[in-house]
C-alpha cells in the first residue's frame, strides 16, 4: 500500500471531519479512499482514452 500526502482547503477538510464525526465513515482515510475510488470508477473510460491519445502522440512524434 502507498501513502499519499496532500493539502486540502480548510472548508473541505471541515466537511470531511463532519462526515467522519457523524459516523458516515470510520476515519478520514476511509472517506478519501471511497472518494478516489468513485472518481476513478466514473472517469475510467475518459482517463483511458486520454492515456491512449498521449501514447499515440508519443508514438507518432516521440515527444515526452
N, C-alpha and C. Protein backbone atom coordinates (compact mmCIF):
# COMPACT_ATOMS: atom_id res chain seq x y z
N UNK A 1 0.85 -1.17 0.00
CA UNK A 1 0.00 0.00 0.00
C UNK A 1 0.89 1.23 0.00
N UNK A 2 0.46 2.29 -0.67
CA UNK A 2 1.20 3.54 -0.75
C UNK A 2 0.48 4.63 0.03
N UNK A 3 1.24 5.57 0.55
CA UNK A 3 0.68 6.71 1.26
C UNK A 3 0.75 7.93 0.35
N UNK A 4 -0.30 8.76 0.40
CA UNK A 4 -0.34 10.00 -0.36
C UNK A 4 -0.56 11.12 0.64
N UNK A 5 0.27 12.14 0.55
CA UNK A 5 0.13 13.30 1.42
C UNK A 5 -0.29 14.48 0.55
N UNK A 6 -1.35 15.17 0.94
CA UNK A 6 -1.82 16.32 0.17
C UNK A 6 -2.42 17.36 1.09
N UNK A 7 -2.63 18.53 0.54
CA UNK A 7 -3.28 19.60 1.28
C UNK A 7 -4.66 19.83 0.69
N UNK A 8 -5.63 20.12 1.55
CA UNK A 8 -6.99 20.42 1.10
C UNK A 8 -7.42 21.74 1.74
N UNK A 9 -8.34 22.44 1.09
CA UNK A 9 -8.83 23.68 1.69
C UNK A 9 -9.49 23.42 3.05
N UNK A 10 -9.40 24.40 3.92
CA UNK A 10 -9.96 24.25 5.27
C UNK A 10 -11.44 23.87 5.24
N UNK A 11 -12.19 24.49 4.35
CA UNK A 11 -13.64 24.20 4.29
C UNK A 11 -13.89 22.74 3.91
N UNK A 12 -13.12 22.24 2.94
CA UNK A 12 -13.29 20.85 2.52
C UNK A 12 -12.91 19.90 3.67
N UNK A 13 -11.83 20.23 4.37
CA UNK A 13 -11.43 19.39 5.49
C UNK A 13 -12.51 19.39 6.57
N UNK A 14 -13.14 20.54 6.78
CA UNK A 14 -14.24 20.62 7.74
C UNK A 14 -15.38 19.69 7.37
N UNK A 15 -15.68 19.60 6.08
CA UNK A 15 -16.73 18.70 5.61
C UNK A 15 -16.33 17.23 5.83
N UNK A 16 -15.06 16.94 5.59
CA UNK A 16 -14.55 15.58 5.82
C UNK A 16 -14.72 15.22 7.30
N UNK A 17 -14.24 16.10 8.16
CA UNK A 17 -14.34 15.84 9.61
C UNK A 17 -15.80 15.68 10.04
N UNK A 18 -16.69 16.49 9.47
CA UNK A 18 -18.10 16.41 9.82
C UNK A 18 -18.68 15.05 9.44
N UNK A 19 -18.34 14.55 8.27
CA UNK A 19 -18.84 13.24 7.84
C UNK A 19 -18.29 12.12 8.72
N UNK A 20 -17.03 12.22 9.09
CA UNK A 20 -16.43 11.21 9.97
C UNK A 20 -17.07 11.29 11.36
N UNK A 21 -17.21 12.50 11.88
CA UNK A 21 -17.79 12.68 13.22
C UNK A 21 -19.26 12.25 13.27
N UNK A 22 -19.95 12.34 12.13
CA UNK A 22 -21.36 11.93 12.06
C UNK A 22 -21.51 10.43 11.89
N UNK A 23 -20.39 9.73 11.72
CA UNK A 23 -20.44 8.28 11.60
C UNK A 23 -20.60 7.75 10.18
N UNK A 24 -20.53 8.61 9.18
CA UNK A 24 -20.66 8.14 7.79
C UNK A 24 -19.43 7.35 7.37
N UNK A 25 -18.27 7.68 7.96
CA UNK A 25 -17.02 6.97 7.67
C UNK A 25 -16.30 6.73 8.98
N UNK A 26 -15.51 5.64 9.03
CA UNK A 26 -14.75 5.33 10.25
C UNK A 26 -13.69 6.38 10.52
N UNK A 27 -13.05 6.86 9.44
CA UNK A 27 -11.98 7.84 9.60
C UNK A 27 -11.77 8.58 8.28
N UNK A 28 -10.88 9.55 8.30
CA UNK A 28 -10.61 10.36 7.11
C UNK A 28 -10.09 9.51 5.96
N UNK A 29 -9.23 8.55 6.26
CA UNK A 29 -8.67 7.69 5.21
C UNK A 29 -9.76 6.95 4.45
N UNK A 30 -10.74 6.41 5.18
CA UNK A 30 -11.82 5.68 4.51
C UNK A 30 -12.61 6.59 3.57
N UNK A 31 -12.86 7.81 4.01
CA UNK A 31 -13.58 8.76 3.15
C UNK A 31 -12.78 9.08 1.90
N UNK A 32 -11.51 9.37 2.06
CA UNK A 32 -10.65 9.71 0.92
C UNK A 32 -10.55 8.54 -0.05
N UNK A 33 -10.38 7.32 0.46
CA UNK A 33 -10.31 6.14 -0.41
C UNK A 33 -11.61 5.94 -1.19
N UNK A 34 -12.74 6.14 -0.54
CA UNK A 34 -14.03 6.00 -1.21
C UNK A 34 -14.21 7.06 -2.29
N UNK A 35 -13.83 8.29 -1.97
CA UNK A 35 -13.94 9.38 -2.95
C UNK A 35 -13.05 9.11 -4.15
N UNK A 36 -11.84 8.66 -3.92
CA UNK A 36 -10.91 8.37 -5.01
C UNK A 36 -11.40 7.20 -5.85
N UNK A 37 -11.91 6.16 -5.18
CA UNK A 37 -12.45 5.00 -5.90
C UNK A 37 -13.60 5.42 -6.80
N UNK A 38 -14.51 6.22 -6.27
CA UNK A 38 -15.67 6.67 -7.06
C UNK A 38 -15.23 7.53 -8.23
N UNK A 39 -14.26 8.42 -8.01
CA UNK A 39 -13.76 9.25 -9.10
C UNK A 39 -13.18 8.39 -10.21
N UNK A 40 -12.33 7.45 -9.84
CA UNK A 40 -11.69 6.59 -10.84
C UNK A 40 -12.72 5.73 -11.57
N UNK A 41 -13.71 5.21 -10.84
CA UNK A 41 -14.75 4.40 -11.48
C UNK A 41 -15.56 5.20 -12.49
N UNK A 42 -15.90 6.44 -12.15
CA UNK A 42 -16.76 7.22 -13.03
C UNK A 42 -15.99 7.87 -14.18
N UNK A 43 -14.68 7.95 -14.08
CA UNK A 43 -13.87 8.58 -15.12
C UNK A 43 -12.96 7.60 -15.84
N UNK A 44 -13.13 6.30 -15.61
CA UNK A 44 -12.23 5.29 -16.15
C UNK A 44 -12.11 5.38 -17.67
N UNK A 45 -13.23 5.42 -18.38
CA UNK A 45 -13.20 5.46 -19.85
C UNK A 45 -12.50 6.73 -20.32
N UNK A 46 -12.88 7.85 -19.74
CA UNK A 46 -12.28 9.13 -20.12
C UNK A 46 -10.77 9.13 -19.89
N UNK A 47 -10.34 8.61 -18.74
CA UNK A 47 -8.91 8.56 -18.43
C UNK A 47 -8.17 7.62 -19.38
N UNK A 48 -8.76 6.47 -19.69
CA UNK A 48 -8.11 5.53 -20.60
C UNK A 48 -7.97 6.13 -21.99
N UNK A 49 -8.99 6.83 -22.47
CA UNK A 49 -8.90 7.47 -23.77
C UNK A 49 -7.79 8.52 -23.78
N UNK A 50 -7.66 9.27 -22.71
CA UNK A 50 -6.60 10.28 -22.62
C UNK A 50 -5.23 9.61 -22.67
N UNK A 51 -5.05 8.52 -21.92
CA UNK A 51 -3.76 7.82 -21.92
C UNK A 51 -3.45 7.27 -23.30
N UNK A 52 -4.45 6.74 -23.99
CA UNK A 52 -4.24 6.20 -25.32
C UNK A 52 -3.83 7.31 -26.29
N UNK A 53 -4.53 8.46 -26.23
CA UNK A 53 -4.17 9.58 -27.10
C UNK A 53 -2.74 10.04 -26.83
N UNK A 54 -2.34 10.10 -25.56
CA UNK A 54 -0.98 10.50 -25.22
C UNK A 54 0.03 9.50 -25.75
N UNK A 55 -0.27 8.21 -25.64
CA UNK A 55 0.63 7.17 -26.16
C UNK A 55 0.76 7.27 -27.68
N UNK A 56 -0.36 7.50 -28.37
CA UNK A 56 -0.33 7.63 -29.82
C UNK A 56 0.49 8.86 -30.21
N UNK A 57 0.26 9.97 -29.54
CA UNK A 57 1.01 11.20 -29.81
C UNK A 57 2.50 10.95 -29.63
N UNK A 58 2.86 10.29 -28.56
CA UNK A 58 4.27 9.98 -28.30
C UNK A 58 4.82 9.07 -29.40
N UNK A 59 4.02 8.06 -29.79
CA UNK A 59 4.45 7.13 -30.84
C UNK A 59 4.65 7.83 -32.17
N UNK A 60 3.80 8.79 -32.48
CA UNK A 60 3.89 9.49 -33.76
C UNK A 60 5.01 10.53 -33.79
N UNK A 61 5.21 11.18 -32.64
CA UNK A 61 6.14 12.31 -32.63
C UNK A 61 7.32 12.12 -31.68
N UNK A 62 7.30 11.11 -30.84
CA UNK A 62 8.41 10.83 -29.94
C UNK A 62 8.66 11.89 -28.88
N UNK A 63 7.66 12.70 -28.58
CA UNK A 63 7.83 13.73 -27.56
C UNK A 63 7.34 13.22 -26.21
N UNK A 64 8.08 13.59 -25.15
CA UNK A 64 7.67 13.21 -23.80
C UNK A 64 6.79 14.24 -23.19
